[in-house]
Protein backbone atom coordinates (compact mmCIF):
# COMPACT_ATOMS: atom_id res chain seq x y z
CA MET A 1 -77.73 63.95 26.06
CA LYS A 2 -80.97 62.99 27.04
CA THR A 3 -84.02 65.16 25.45
CA ILE A 4 -86.36 67.50 26.60
CA ASP A 5 -89.13 65.23 26.60
CA THR A 6 -86.83 62.36 28.44
CA LEU A 7 -86.07 64.76 31.21
CA LEU A 8 -90.15 65.92 31.33
CA THR A 9 -91.29 62.85 31.95
CA GLY A 10 -88.35 60.59 32.75
CA PHE A 11 -88.75 57.88 30.90
CA GLU A 12 -88.46 57.47 27.15
CA GLY A 13 -91.38 56.94 24.94
CA GLU A 14 -94.94 57.78 26.47
CA ALA A 15 -95.76 59.09 30.40
CA ALA A 16 -95.38 55.74 32.79
CA VAL A 17 -97.86 55.51 35.31
CA PHE A 18 -97.44 54.55 38.29
CA PHE A 19 -99.31 53.09 41.60
CA ALA A 20 -98.87 52.87 44.99
CA GLY A 21 -97.28 49.25 45.48
CA MET A 22 -94.94 49.48 41.98
CA PRO A 23 -90.99 49.79 41.90
CA ALA A 24 -90.81 53.32 40.85
CA PRO A 25 -86.61 54.69 39.45
CA ARG A 26 -85.57 57.00 41.33
CA GLY A 27 -87.20 60.84 40.77
CA ALA A 28 -90.73 62.75 41.21
CA TYR A 29 -93.65 61.31 41.46
CA VAL A 30 -96.69 63.51 41.82
CA ASN A 31 -100.65 61.67 42.93
CA VAL A 32 -103.05 62.17 40.07
CA GLU A 33 -105.45 62.67 43.14
CA THR A 34 -104.16 65.05 45.73
CA GLY A 35 -101.48 66.32 43.56
CA ARG A 36 -98.87 65.49 46.37
CA ILE A 37 -95.24 64.93 46.00
CA ILE A 38 -93.71 62.44 45.93
CA ARG A 39 -89.59 62.11 45.53
CA VAL A 40 -87.51 58.91 45.66
CA ASP A 41 -83.93 59.45 46.01
CA GLU A 42 -83.28 55.43 45.11
CA GLU A 43 -85.90 52.83 42.79
CA SER A 44 -88.15 52.38 45.97
CA VAL A 45 -92.16 50.98 45.87
CA LEU A 46 -94.07 53.91 46.86
CA PRO A 47 -96.70 54.77 48.49
CA ALA A 48 -100.32 54.07 49.61
CA SER A 49 -102.58 56.27 50.17
CA PHE A 50 -105.11 54.07 53.11
CA ASP A 51 -108.28 56.12 52.32
CA GLY A 52 -109.12 53.05 50.52
CA ARG A 53 -108.51 54.40 46.88
CA VAL A 54 -105.24 53.36 44.58
CA ALA A 55 -102.79 55.48 44.49
CA ALA A 56 -101.50 56.69 41.71
CA TYR A 57 -97.52 58.04 40.78
CA VAL A 58 -96.78 59.90 37.33
CA PRO A 59 -93.43 61.59 36.97
CA SER A 60 -92.78 64.92 37.90
CA PRO A 61 -91.91 67.36 35.94
CA PRO A 62 -88.02 68.01 36.36
CA THR A 63 -86.71 71.21 39.10
CA TRP A 64 -84.22 73.38 36.59
CA ASN A 65 -81.52 71.13 39.47
CA ASP A 66 -82.70 68.44 38.12
CA ILE A 67 -82.40 69.98 34.54
CA ARG A 68 -78.45 71.13 35.12
CA HIS A 69 -77.52 68.19 36.64
CA ALA A 70 -78.46 65.92 33.32
CA TYR A 71 -76.70 68.28 31.43
CA GLY A 72 -73.39 68.58 33.47
CA ALA A 73 -74.14 71.99 34.65
CA ASP A 74 -73.58 71.43 38.01
CA GLU A 75 -69.95 69.78 37.61
CA ASN A 76 -67.50 72.01 38.23
């Protein structure tokens, strides 16, 4: 069973930071500088910012649908 901390970060332990071009597991990520949300449906690389800056992403807090799915509430 997942803990609330794992649901909030998406990872066990400390919160992760991902940079553009790095492979990231399935989930939603927030660009630290712009607040733009990127959803990755399968492991993929995160997009570059194309403005000369390094794009950094952190896992986005889960939506209610993510939480329901994690606890099997939508399986009938």
